[in-house]
Amino acid sequence: MKKFTILFAFLIISLNIWAQPPAPDFTITDTNGNEHQLYADHLDQGQTVLIKVFFTVCPPCISAAPHIEELYQDWGAGQYDVEFFELSNKGFDSNADVLSYQIAHGQTYPAAGNDGGSIAALTEYTNGTFGQFFGTPTYIVISPNGDVNYDVSGFGIEATIDSLNAAISATGATGGPATPDFTSYDVNIKDVYGQSISPSETKMYLRSSSDASVNYDILNLVGSYSFDYPSDLLPEVENPILQFENQQEVGESLSALDLLKYQKHILNIEPINSSLIVQSGDVNHSGSLSALDLSLINKVILNIDNSFPNRDAWEFFIENCANCQTYALPISLGSTIDISVTGVRMGDANY
C-alpha cells in the first residue's frame, strides 16, 4: 500500500509538471519608462527571466533586497542572457512608489508598479495557476522556452540565493557573453632585423601533423596574418600546425659580402652577435656554421648550384620554440593568441 501511495504521488507530480502551461506573456512599463514584453524582448532573445513578486513596504522583501541585487550583478546585470524584474502585487504601489523603493534600497533591475502593469502581469502567478501563492517575496524563474520554475526558495536568504542560482543555471544561462567556439590568432612575422615581412612575400599554411593531405593557404583564404580557427574558411583539423614558406629563390640577394661576414665569424675576427644570422649561414643544416657552408653558398652565388642541400631560401622560426619551424597550434576558445615569427634568409648575412 505504501509503495502504491508513493507511486501515485509521483504520477500526480509528473502530471502536474507535464500539464503546466508556459509563462503567460506580459507587457510592463518600468520605473524608467521603458516597455518590456516578456517574450519578444527577453525569452525570444534567449534570456532567462527572474521575477521577484514584492511590494514596497514588505519587510522580508526589503531584507532580501541587497542580496537579490548582488545576485543580479553576479548574473551580468541584464547585459547578457539573464534579466530580473521586480513587480509589485499591490494596487497602492505606483511606478513612482516603486522607483522610490529602488533608490532607497539600491535596486537596479527593471521594476514596475500597478500603473506600469505589474498586477496584470502577475495575475496567473498569484491565482494558483502555477501553485499556491504564499505571499511576498516570491521568486519565479522562467526559461527562454517559457518553462516556469515557480516559488523558488530555501530556508533563509542564503539558501534562497543558492536555490535561485541553481534554478537560473538549470535554464542553461551563463550570465555572460557566450564563449566563442574559436581561437583568434595574431601572427607577427619579421626578419632578423625586426623589419616586417609583407604577406605578399610569405605563405602561411594550416596543416595537420597527422594528415599530409590537409593544406589550407591562410593568407590566400583570409587575406591577413590574423585569423580565427576553426572557422568556415579554416575548418577544424586533427593536430593542427602552422607552417611558413617564402616564394623567393635560393641565392637571391646573396653576394661575396655575405661570405666575408660568415668567414670573419668562423675565424673569430668579427663574431656575429645574432644567433639567427649565424643560423642563416648553416645552409647544410649541420647545426653549426663551417667552411662547408661557405663553399655551398659560394656555389649558389656563382650559379654552379641553385639550391642548398637541406634548406629553403627562407626559414621561419617561432619565438620561444628552439629551432622550431613547425608550430603546433595552441587552442584557447574565446582568446586571442599572439604568435611571433622570425624569417631568416639562408646564406644572407647582410640583408
Protein backbone atom coordinates (compact mmCIF):
# COMPACT_ATOMS: atom_id res chain seq x y z
CA MET A 1 0.00 0.00 0.00
CA LYS A 2 2.84 2.37 0.89
CA LYS A 3 4.58 1.72 -2.45
CA PHE A 4 1.31 2.39 -4.30
CA THR A 5 0.85 5.69 -2.45
CA ILE A 6 4.36 6.86 -3.33
CA LEU A 7 3.92 5.85 -6.94
CA PHE A 8 0.54 7.59 -7.12
CA ALA A 9 2.04 10.79 -5.68
CA PHE A 10 4.88 10.64 -8.17
CA LEU A 11 2.44 10.26 -11.05
CA ILE A 12 0.37 13.22 -9.83
CA ILE A 13 3.51 15.42 -9.59
CA SER A 14 4.67 14.29 -13.02
CA LEU A 15 1.24 15.04 -14.47
CA ASN A 16 1.24 18.50 -12.93
CA ILE A 17 4.67 19.27 -14.37
CA TRP A 18 3.66 17.93 -17.78
CA ALA A 19 0.39 19.85 -17.76
CA GLN A 20 1.85 23.14 -16.51
CA PRO A 21 1.22 25.96 -19.01
CA PRO A 22 4.05 28.12 -20.34
CA ALA A 23 4.71 31.50 -18.79
CA PRO A 24 1.97 33.98 -19.74
CA ASP A 25 3.18 36.84 -21.86
CA PHE A 26 3.02 40.34 -20.42
CA THR A 27 3.94 43.89 -21.19
CA ILE A 28 5.06 46.25 -18.46
CA THR A 29 6.38 49.80 -18.38
CA ASP A 30 9.18 50.04 -15.83
CA THR A 31 10.02 52.91 -13.50
CA ASN A 32 12.30 54.43 -16.15
CA GLY A 33 9.53 54.49 -18.74
CA ASN A 34 10.91 51.53 -20.70
CA GLU A 35 8.44 48.98 -22.07
CA HIS A 36 9.21 45.26 -21.73
CA GLN A 37 7.43 42.40 -23.45
CA LEU A 38 8.31 39.14 -21.75
CA TYR A 39 8.62 37.03 -24.89
CA ALA A 40 9.53 39.46 -27.65
CA ASP A 41 12.13 41.39 -25.66
CA HIS A 42 13.55 38.67 -23.43
CA LEU A 43 12.59 35.00 -23.74
CA ASP A 44 12.65 35.01 -27.54
CA GLN A 45 16.09 36.65 -27.35
CA GLY A 46 17.41 33.72 -25.32
CA GLN A 47 17.21 35.38 -21.91
CA THR A 48 16.21 33.65 -18.71
CA VAL A 49 13.91 35.86 -16.62
CA LEU A 50 13.67 36.02 -12.84
CA ILE A 51 10.59 37.73 -11.42
CA LYS A 52 10.55 38.93 -7.84
CA VAL A 53 6.98 39.44 -6.62
CA PHE A 54 7.09 42.09 -3.90
CA PHE A 55 5.56 45.28 -2.57
CA THR A 56 7.32 48.38 -1.38
CA VAL A 57 6.69 48.10 2.37
CA CYS A 58 7.13 44.32 2.61
CA PRO A 59 9.71 43.76 5.41
CA PRO A 60 11.16 40.47 4.07
CA CYS A 61 11.35 42.00 0.57
CA ILE A 62 13.35 44.88 1.96
CA SER A 63 15.60 42.49 3.89
CA ALA A 64 16.27 40.44 0.75
CA ALA A 65 16.83 43.48 -1.49
CA PRO A 66 20.65 43.78 -1.23
CA HIS A 67 21.10 40.04 -1.71
CA ILE A 68 18.93 39.96 -4.83
CA GLU A 69 20.74 43.00 -6.22
CA GLU A 70 24.07 41.23 -5.68
CA LEU A 71 22.65 38.16 -7.43
CA TYR A 72 21.56 40.38 -10.33
CA GLN A 73 25.08 41.76 -10.68
CA ASP A 74 26.56 38.26 -10.48
CA TRP A 75 24.40 37.21 -13.43
CA GLY A 76 25.53 40.10 -15.62
CA ALA A 77 23.09 42.88 -14.63
CA GLY A 78 20.79 42.19 -17.56
CA GLN A 79 23.51 42.63 -20.15
CA TYR A 80 23.69 39.01 -21.23
CA ASP A 81 21.33 36.04 -21.01
CA VAL A 82 19.59 36.74 -17.67
CA GLU A 83 17.19 39.55 -16.76
CA PHE A 84 15.46 40.29 -13.45
CA PHE A 85 12.10 42.03 -12.86
CA GLU A 86 10.66 43.36 -9.62
CA LEU A 87 6.86 43.52 -9.86
CA SER A 88 4.56 44.78 -7.14
CA ASN A 89 1.38 42.83 -6.43
CA LYS A 90 -0.29 45.74 -4.62
CA GLY A 91 -2.65 48.27 -6.14
CA PHE A 92 -1.29 51.03 -3.92
CA ASP A 93 2.22 50.76 -5.41
CA SER A 94 2.63 53.11 -8.35
CA ASN A 95 5.72 53.29 -10.53
CA ALA A 96 6.72 56.38 -8.56
CA ASP A 97 6.48 54.42 -5.30
CA VAL A 98 8.50 51.56 -6.75
CA LEU A 99 11.15 53.98 -8.03
CA SER A 100 11.50 55.45 -4.54
CA TYR A 101 11.88 51.90 -3.19
CA GLN A 102 14.56 51.11 -5.77
CA ILE A 103 16.54 54.23 -4.92
CA ALA A 104 16.24 53.64 -1.18
CA HIS A 105 17.38 50.01 -1.39
CA GLY A 106 19.88 50.16 -4.24
CA GLN A 107 17.90 48.13 -6.77
CA THR A 108 19.00 48.50 -10.38
CA TYR A 109 16.97 45.92 -12.31
CA PRO A 110 13.69 46.76 -14.07
CA ALA A 111 10.69 47.18 -11.77
CA ALA A 112 7.07 48.23 -12.08
CA GLY A 113 4.06 49.14 -10.00
CA ASN A 114 0.36 48.87 -10.71
CA ASP A 115 0.28 51.70 -13.25
CA GLY A 116 3.20 50.04 -15.02
CA GLY A 117 1.21 46.84 -15.48
CA SER A 118 2.64 44.76 -12.63
CA ILE A 119 -0.61 43.36 -11.23
CA ALA A 120 -1.86 42.30 -14.65
CA ALA A 121 1.49 40.66 -15.36
CA LEU A 122 1.32 38.71 -12.09
CA THR A 123 -2.29 37.51 -12.33
CA GLU A 124 -1.54 33.88 -13.17
CA TYR A 125 1.27 33.72 -10.61
CA THR A 126 -0.99 34.80 -7.76
CA ASN A 127 -4.24 33.00 -8.68
CA GLY A 128 -2.99 29.43 -8.29
CA THR A 129 -2.26 28.62 -11.93
CA PHE A 130 1.33 27.66 -11.13
CA GLY A 131 0.88 26.74 -7.48
CA GLN A 132 -0.30 28.23 -4.24
CA PHE A 133 0.79 31.81 -3.73
CA PHE A 134 2.12 32.24 -0.19
CA GLY A 135 2.95 35.95 -0.27
CA THR A 136 5.96 38.13 -0.86
CA PRO A 137 8.69 37.85 -1.77
CA THR A 138 8.01 35.09 -4.28
CA TYR A 139 10.66 34.26 -6.87
CA ILE A 140 9.82 32.86 -10.32
CA VAL A 141 12.42 31.69 -12.83
CA ILE A 142 11.32 31.43 -16.47
CA SER A 143 13.39 29.61 -19.09
CA PRO A 144 13.72 31.02 -22.62
CA ASN A 145 11.31 28.30 -23.81
CA GLY A 146 8.66 29.54 -21.36
CA ASP A 147 9.02 26.84 -18.70
CA VAL A 148 8.18 28.19 -15.25
CA ASN A 149 10.00 27.33 -12.03
CA TYR A 150 7.54 28.72 -9.51
CA ASP A 151 8.25 29.86 -5.95
CA VAL A 152 11.98 29.13 -5.89
CA SER A 153 13.09 29.40 -2.27
CA GLY A 154 15.13 27.99 0.57
CA PHE A 155 15.31 28.15 4.36
CA GLY A 156 16.74 31.63 4.83
CA ILE A 157 18.11 34.13 2.35
CA GLU A 158 21.41 32.29 1.73
CA ALA A 159 19.59 29.07 0.89
CA THR A 160 17.17 31.03 -1.30
CA ILE A 161 20.07 32.61 -3.20
CA ASP A 162 21.57 29.13 -3.68
CA SER A 163 18.22 27.87 -4.99
CA LEU A 164 17.88 30.81 -7.34
CA ASN A 165 21.40 30.29 -8.67
CA ALA A 166 20.61 26.63 -9.29
CA ALA A 167 17.29 27.42 -10.97
CA ILE A 168 18.84 30.02 -13.28
CA SER A 169 21.75 27.72 -14.14
CA ALA A 170 19.31 24.91 -14.94
CA THR A 171 17.91 27.01 -17.79
CA GLY A 172 21.33 26.99 -19.48
CA ALA A 173 22.06 30.62 -18.65
CA THR A 174 25.64 31.69 -18.01
CA GLY A 175 25.22 35.36 -17.11
CA GLY A 176 27.92 36.44 -19.53
CA PRO A 177 28.76 36.51 -23.21
CA ALA A 178 28.90 33.11 -24.81
CA THR A 179 32.44 31.80 -25.19
CA PRO A 180 33.31 31.87 -28.88
CA ASP A 181 33.88 28.44 -30.35
CA PHE A 182 37.11 29.55 -31.98
CA THR A 183 40.54 30.92 -31.10
CA SER A 184 41.85 34.13 -32.65
CA TYR A 185 45.48 34.34 -33.73
CA ASP A 186 47.60 37.41 -34.46
CA VAL A 187 50.79 36.41 -36.24
CA ASN A 188 53.65 38.91 -36.39
CA ILE A 189 56.36 37.99 -38.93
CA LYS A 190 59.61 39.94 -39.09
CA ASP A 191 63.12 39.40 -40.40
CA VAL A 192 66.19 39.14 -38.16
CA TYR A 193 66.48 42.95 -38.09
CA GLY A 194 62.90 43.43 -36.91
CA GLN A 195 61.50 44.57 -40.25
CA SER A 196 58.00 43.33 -41.03
CA ILE A 197 57.71 40.81 -43.84
CA SER A 198 54.84 41.51 -46.20
CA PRO A 199 52.14 38.85 -46.66
CA SER A 200 52.88 39.07 -50.40
CA GLU A 201 56.34 37.60 -49.70
CA THR A 202 55.21 34.76 -47.46
CA LYS A 203 52.96 31.73 -47.39
CA MET A 204 51.31 30.71 -44.11
CA TYR A 205 49.64 27.30 -44.05
CA LEU A 206 47.31 25.49 -41.70
CA ARG A 207 48.27 21.83 -41.89
CA SER A 208 47.89 18.65 -39.87
CA SER A 209 50.83 16.85 -38.32
CA SER A 210 48.95 13.57 -38.76
CA ASP A 211 47.45 14.03 -42.24
CA ALA A 212 49.71 15.26 -45.04
CA SER A 213 46.71 15.90 -47.31
CA VAL A 214 45.47 18.80 -45.17
CA ASN A 215 46.73 22.10 -46.55
CA TYR A 216 45.00 25.48 -46.14
CA ASP A 217 46.68 28.60 -47.50
CA ILE A 218 45.67 31.05 -44.75
CA LEU A 219 46.82 34.25 -46.42
CA ASN A 220 45.02 33.33 -49.63
CA LEU A 221 41.82 32.41 -47.79
CA VAL A 222 41.76 35.06 -45.06
CA GLY A 223 43.93 37.79 -46.54
CA SER A 224 45.96 38.68 -43.45
CA TYR A 225 48.22 37.35 -40.72
CA SER A 226 45.25 37.49 -38.29
CA PHE A 227 42.77 34.64 -38.44
CA ASP A 228 40.22 32.63 -36.45
CA TYR A 229 40.37 28.86 -36.10
CA PRO A 230 38.24 26.88 -36.57
CA SER A 231 36.07 28.86 -38.96
CA ASP A 232 34.16 28.47 -42.20
CA LEU A 233 37.36 29.23 -44.10
CA LEU A 234 39.64 27.18 -41.85
CA PRO A 235 37.74 24.09 -40.69
CA GLU A 236 38.86 22.02 -37.74
CA VAL A 237 41.66 19.55 -38.49
CA GLU A 238 43.38 16.89 -36.45
CA ASN A 239 46.62 18.03 -34.76
CA PRO A 240 46.71 21.49 -36.39
CA ILE A 241 50.06 23.10 -37.11
CA LEU A 242 51.26 26.34 -38.70
CA GLN A 243 53.97 26.33 -41.34
CA PHE A 244 55.55 29.22 -43.21
CA GLU A 245 57.17 29.43 -46.61
CA ASN A 246 58.69 32.15 -48.78
CA GLN A 247 58.49 32.16 -52.55
CA GLN A 248 61.95 33.67 -53.06
CA GLU A 249 64.51 31.55 -54.92
CA VAL A 250 67.64 30.37 -53.15
CA GLY A 251 70.53 32.70 -53.90
CA GLU A 252 68.61 35.92 -54.48
CA SER A 253 70.46 38.86 -52.87
CA LEU A 254 73.50 36.73 -51.91
CA SER A 255 76.97 38.15 -52.52
CA ALA A 256 80.64 37.84 -51.61
CA LEU A 257 79.98 40.23 -48.70
CA ASP A 258 77.91 37.54 -47.04
CA LEU A 259 80.74 35.04 -47.42
CA LEU A 260 83.16 37.53 -45.89
CA LYS A 261 80.95 38.15 -42.88
CA TYR A 262 80.47 34.42 -42.21
CA GLN A 263 84.22 33.83 -42.67
CA LYS A 264 85.10 36.54 -40.13
CA HIS A 265 82.72 34.90 -37.69
CA ILE A 266 84.23 31.44 -38.19
CA LEU A 267 87.76 32.87 -37.68
CA ASN A 268 86.54 34.84 -34.64
CA ILE A 269 87.76 38.05 -36.24
CA GLU A 270 84.35 39.67 -36.14
CA PRO A 271 81.78 37.43 -34.38
CA ILE A 272 78.15 37.73 -35.42
CA ASN A 273 76.03 38.61 -32.38
CA SER A 274 72.72 37.32 -33.71
CA SER A 275 72.25 33.57 -33.34
CA LEU A 276 69.66 33.66 -36.13
CA ILE A 277 72.10 35.31 -38.55
CA VAL A 278 74.64 32.64 -37.64
CA GLN A 279 71.94 30.08 -38.29
CA SER A 280 71.28 31.66 -41.69
CA GLY A 281 74.77 30.59 -42.72
CA ASP A 282 74.23 26.97 -41.72
CA VAL A 283 72.90 26.07 -45.16
CA ASN A 284 73.68 22.36 -44.87
CA HIS A 285 71.70 22.14 -41.62
CA SER A 286 74.57 20.58 -39.69
CA GLY A 287 73.95 22.61 -36.57
CA SER A 288 76.97 24.87 -36.94
CA LEU A 289 78.48 27.36 -39.35
CA SER A 290 81.51 25.88 -41.12
CA ALA A 291 83.75 26.15 -44.18
CA LEU A 292 81.47 23.64 -45.94
CA ASP A 293 78.59 26.10 -45.63
CA LEU A 294 80.74 28.83 -47.18
CA SER A 295 81.53 26.53 -50.10
CA LEU A 296 77.83 25.79 -50.67
CA ILE A 297 76.90 29.48 -50.51
CA ASN A 298 79.69 30.33 -52.98
CA LYS A 299 78.40 27.73 -55.46
CA VAL A 300 74.98 29.38 -55.38
CA ILE A 301 76.47 32.85 -55.85
CA LEU A 302 78.47 31.59 -58.86
CA ASN A 303 75.37 29.83 -60.29
CA ILE A 304 77.12 26.50 -60.05
CA ASP A 305 74.23 25.31 -57.94
CA ASN A 306 70.73 26.75 -57.47
CA SER A 307 69.78 25.25 -54.11
CA PHE A 308 71.04 24.39 -50.67
CA PRO A 309 71.02 20.68 -49.79
CA ASN A 310 68.85 20.91 -46.66
CA ARG A 311 67.43 24.43 -46.60
CA ASP A 312 64.84 26.55 -48.36
CA ALA A 313 65.55 30.12 -49.40
CA TRP A 314 63.93 31.27 -46.15
CA GLU A 315 63.47 29.53 -42.81
CA PHE A 316 60.91 30.68 -40.23
CA PHE A 317 61.41 30.31 -36.51
CA ILE A 318 58.75 30.61 -33.83
CA GLU A 319 59.50 32.67 -30.74
CA ASN A 320 60.21 30.58 -27.62
CA CYS A 321 60.45 27.44 -29.73
CA ALA A 322 64.11 26.49 -30.27
CA ASN A 323 64.80 25.55 -33.91
CA CYS A 324 61.04 25.28 -34.34
CA GLN A 325 59.73 25.73 -37.85
CA THR A 326 56.50 23.79 -37.37
CA TYR A 327 54.19 25.32 -34.78
CA ALA A 328 51.61 23.19 -33.00
CA LEU A 329 48.61 25.50 -32.91
CA PRO A 330 47.51 26.17 -29.30
CA ILE A 331 43.75 26.21 -28.73
CA SER A 332 42.09 28.56 -26.24
CA LEU A 333 38.48 29.19 -27.24
CA GLY A 334 37.45 32.81 -26.87
CA SER A 335 41.04 34.03 -26.52
CA THR A 336 43.48 35.79 -28.80
CA ILE A 337 46.95 34.28 -29.06
CA ASP A 338 49.91 36.30 -30.33
CA ILE A 339 52.48 34.38 -32.36
CA SER A 340 55.87 35.96 -33.13
CA VAL A 341 57.79 34.55 -36.08
CA THR A 342 61.23 35.49 -37.41
CA GLY A 343 62.04 34.90 -41.06
CA VAL A 344 65.68 34.10 -41.87
CA ARG A 345 67.02 34.34 -45.45
CA MET A 346 69.50 31.50 -45.82
CA GLY A 347 73.03 32.38 -46.83
CA ASP A 348 72.39 36.09 -46.37
CA ALA A 349 74.37 37.68 -43.54
CA ASN A 350 73.80 41.28 -44.60
CA TYR A 351 70.18 41.58 -45.74
